[in-house]
């Protein structure tokens, strides 16, 4: 039918744009993952040496390594993608995993290891902003009760490092004793209402 052919032609015309933009996203994502891995390894060595055998493993969709092969795959799958109502290859299908001691943390990491990894990821992202912009004064960070399972040394080191951000929002069920609040505003959220504490 003519209408379907027109729709397929329109979809096919997007392949060039998708291949160019998608391959650029994949390339930049790979560079960013490599930067995060380097920064996270440095932070693990400082905060939690037992987890320093760490890596970020990227899993890319097949046939998206470069713009040309990605374009060919899009063209080949146009009809099937049209019927599915979704593009079957590209950066939206890429994934990554955190790996410690050659095992995925998602499956083999303890709760404490996973918590520490998420905090170190946050610190690495903060460092990545510093690398890209040279400054942190405009950086806003949200830390949601993430320090609860850490020992005192790791918690103190984390709070010291995260303290370089421009503005930080901490959410605690209980404020840690070593947490310095002199220059902070405190709010209590209870039963759906927010009140500023003195």
Protein backbone atom coordinates (compact mmCIF):
# COMPACT_ATOMS: atom_id res chain seq x y z
CA UNK A 1 0.00 0.00 0.00
CA UNK A 2 1.18 3.48 -0.93
CA UNK A 3 0.78 4.99 2.55
CA UNK A 4 2.93 2.27 4.12
CA UNK A 5 5.63 2.74 1.45
CA UNK A 6 5.67 6.51 2.16
CA UNK A 7 6.01 5.82 5.88
CA UNK A 8 8.88 3.40 5.21
CA UNK A 9 10.57 5.96 2.96
CA UNK A 10 10.26 8.60 5.69
CA UNK A 11 11.63 6.20 8.30
CA UNK A 12 14.48 5.25 5.99
CA UNK A 13 15.34 8.93 5.46
CA UNK A 14 16.04 9.24 9.19
CA UNK A 15 18.68 6.49 9.04
CA UNK A 16 21.46 8.87 7.97
CA UNK A 17 20.70 11.26 10.84
CA UNK A 18 20.29 8.44 13.38
CA UNK A 19 23.55 6.80 12.31
CA UNK A 20 25.51 10.06 12.57
CA UNK A 21 24.03 11.13 15.91
CA UNK A 22 24.03 7.61 17.34
CA UNK A 23 27.66 6.90 16.49
CA UNK A 24 28.67 10.24 18.04
CA UNK A 25 26.75 9.38 21.23
CA UNK A 26 28.40 5.95 21.35
CA UNK A 27 31.86 7.45 20.88
CA UNK A 28 31.36 10.14 23.55
CA UNK A 29 29.78 7.65 25.96
CA UNK A 30 32.81 5.37 25.56
CA UNK A 31 35.21 8.25 26.34
CA UNK A 32 33.13 9.31 29.34
CA UNK A 33 33.00 5.74 30.66
CA UNK A 34 36.81 5.51 30.33
CA UNK A 35 37.21 8.81 32.23
CA UNK A 36 34.79 7.65 34.96
CA UNK A 37 36.63 4.35 35.28
CA UNK A 38 39.98 6.13 35.73
CA UNK A 39 38.53 8.54 38.30
CA UNK A 40 36.71 5.76 40.15
CA UNK A 41 39.88 3.64 40.36
CA UNK A 42 41.72 6.60 41.93
CA UNK A 43 38.88 7.14 44.41
CA UNK A 44 38.68 3.43 45.27
CA UNK A 45 42.44 3.42 45.95
CA UNK A 46 41.94 6.33 48.34
CA UNK A 47 38.61 5.46 49.99
CA UNK A 48 38.29 1.69 49.69
CA UNK A 49 41.49 -0.04 48.54
CA UNK A 50 39.85 -3.47 48.79
CA UNK A 51 37.74 -2.57 45.73
CA UNK A 52 40.54 -1.14 43.58
CA UNK A 53 40.32 -4.05 41.08
CA UNK A 54 37.41 -2.25 39.44
CA UNK A 55 36.35 -1.63 35.86
CA UNK A 56 33.41 -0.36 33.85
CA UNK A 57 32.46 -2.78 31.11
CA UNK A 58 30.47 -1.31 28.22
CA UNK A 59 28.13 -3.49 26.17
CA UNK A 60 27.23 -1.96 22.84
CA UNK A 61 24.46 -2.96 20.47
CA UNK A 62 25.83 -5.00 17.56
CA UNK A 63 26.85 -3.31 14.32
CA UNK A 64 26.97 0.20 15.77
CA UNK A 65 30.78 0.48 15.98
CA UNK A 66 30.94 3.16 13.31
CA UNK A 67 28.57 5.37 11.37
CA UNK A 68 28.64 3.30 8.15
CA UNK A 69 27.92 -0.09 9.73
CA UNK A 70 25.25 1.50 11.93
CA UNK A 71 23.60 3.06 8.85
CA UNK A 72 23.64 -0.28 6.99
CA UNK A 73 22.05 -2.02 9.97
CA UNK A 74 19.32 0.65 10.19
CA UNK A 75 18.61 0.32 6.47
CA UNK A 76 18.52 -3.46 6.63
CA UNK A 77 16.09 -3.42 9.58
CA UNK A 78 13.80 -0.58 8.43
CA UNK A 79 10.82 -2.80 7.59
CA UNK A 80 11.10 -4.84 10.79
CA UNK A 81 11.57 -1.72 12.94
CA UNK A 82 8.55 -0.13 11.27
CA UNK A 83 6.39 -3.13 12.17
CA UNK A 84 7.76 -3.22 15.74
CA UNK A 85 7.32 0.52 16.20
CA UNK A 86 10.85 0.86 17.60
CA UNK A 87 14.43 1.05 16.35
CA UNK A 88 16.19 -2.25 17.07
CA UNK A 89 19.78 -0.99 17.27
CA UNK A 90 21.57 2.03 18.62
CA UNK A 91 22.86 3.71 21.76
CA UNK A 92 19.50 3.41 23.54
CA UNK A 93 20.21 -0.34 23.79
CA UNK A 94 23.77 0.03 25.11
CA UNK A 95 24.45 -0.89 28.70
CA UNK A 96 27.32 -0.90 31.13
CA UNK A 97 28.16 -2.82 34.24
CA UNK A 98 30.47 -2.28 37.16
CA UNK A 99 32.89 -5.16 37.52
CA UNK A 100 34.98 -6.03 40.58
CA UNK A 101 37.46 -8.89 40.56
CA UNK A 102 36.16 -9.80 37.07
CA UNK A 103 32.60 -10.33 38.38
CA UNK A 104 29.60 -8.06 37.80
CA UNK A 105 28.78 -6.18 41.00
CA UNK A 106 25.07 -6.33 40.14
CA UNK A 107 25.15 -10.09 40.76
CA UNK A 108 28.12 -10.63 43.06
CA UNK A 109 28.68 -7.37 44.98
CA UNK A 110 27.70 -7.12 48.63
CA UNK A 111 25.33 -4.38 49.73
CA UNK A 112 28.24 -2.43 51.23
CA UNK A 113 30.34 -2.79 48.06
CA UNK A 114 27.44 -1.63 45.90
CA UNK A 115 26.76 1.32 48.23
CA UNK A 116 30.43 2.33 48.18
CA UNK A 117 30.52 2.01 44.39
CA UNK A 118 27.48 4.28 43.99
CA UNK A 119 29.11 6.91 46.23
CA UNK A 120 32.39 6.68 44.36
CA UNK A 121 30.47 7.03 41.08
CA UNK A 122 28.95 10.25 42.43
CA UNK A 123 32.40 11.55 43.40
CA UNK A 124 33.81 10.55 40.00
CA UNK A 125 30.99 12.42 38.25
CA UNK A 126 31.84 15.46 40.35
CA UNK A 127 35.50 15.13 39.31
CA UNK A 128 34.44 14.72 35.67
CA UNK A 129 32.57 18.04 35.90
CA UNK A 130 35.73 19.61 37.30
CA UNK A 131 37.75 18.15 34.39
CA UNK A 132 35.30 19.48 31.81
CA UNK A 133 34.56 22.92 33.27
CA UNK A 134 37.50 23.61 35.56
CA UNK A 135 35.13 24.71 38.34
CA UNK A 136 32.54 23.33 40.71
CA UNK A 137 30.89 26.42 42.18
CA UNK A 138 27.74 25.90 40.08
CA UNK A 139 27.54 22.15 40.73
CA UNK A 140 24.55 20.84 42.68
CA UNK A 141 24.78 17.36 44.22
CA UNK A 142 22.06 15.23 45.83
CA UNK A 143 23.16 12.56 48.33
CA UNK A 144 20.29 10.41 49.57
CA UNK A 145 21.14 8.69 52.89
CA UNK A 146 24.03 7.06 51.08
CA UNK A 147 26.58 7.09 53.89
CA UNK A 148 24.62 4.95 56.37
CA UNK A 149 26.47 1.67 55.69
CA UNK A 150 29.98 3.16 55.58
CA UNK A 151 32.56 2.93 58.33
CA UNK A 152 33.65 6.18 59.98
CA UNK A 153 36.85 6.58 57.91
CA UNK A 154 35.08 6.07 54.57
CA UNK A 155 32.15 8.29 55.58
CA UNK A 156 34.44 11.12 56.72
CA UNK A 157 36.53 10.89 53.52
CA UNK A 158 33.39 10.86 51.35
CA UNK A 159 31.91 13.91 53.10
CA UNK A 160 35.21 15.76 52.76
CA UNK A 161 35.47 15.04 49.03
CA UNK A 162 31.82 15.77 48.22
CA UNK A 163 32.14 19.04 50.16
CA UNK A 164 33.96 20.62 47.19
CA UNK A 165 30.69 20.90 45.22
CA UNK A 166 28.95 24.26 44.97
CA UNK A 167 25.75 23.13 46.68
CA UNK A 168 24.89 19.80 48.28
CA UNK A 169 21.55 18.39 49.37
CA UNK A 170 21.84 15.56 51.88
CA UNK A 171 18.88 13.42 52.87
CA UNK A 172 19.37 11.44 56.10
CA UNK A 173 17.11 9.34 58.23
CA UNK A 174 19.55 10.21 61.00
CA UNK A 175 22.29 12.85 60.75
CA UNK A 176 25.75 11.30 61.33
CA UNK A 177 27.59 12.66 64.38
CA UNK A 178 30.68 13.62 62.34
CA UNK A 179 28.59 15.58 59.85
CA UNK A 180 29.41 19.30 60.09
CA UNK A 181 26.27 21.44 59.79
CA UNK A 182 27.44 24.91 60.88
CA UNK A 183 27.00 26.40 57.40
CA UNK A 184 23.95 24.34 56.50
CA UNK A 185 20.22 24.78 56.48
CA UNK A 186 18.35 21.82 57.95
CA UNK A 187 14.83 20.81 57.03
CA UNK A 188 12.67 18.12 58.55
CA UNK A 189 10.23 16.26 56.33
CA UNK A 190 7.48 14.51 58.22
CA UNK A 191 3.99 13.38 57.20
CA UNK A 192 4.23 15.23 53.90
CA UNK A 193 5.23 18.61 55.37
CA UNK A 194 8.61 20.36 55.29
CA UNK A 195 9.79 22.48 58.22
CA UNK A 196 13.03 24.38 58.59
CA UNK A 197 14.97 23.43 61.72
CA UNK A 198 16.82 26.07 63.70
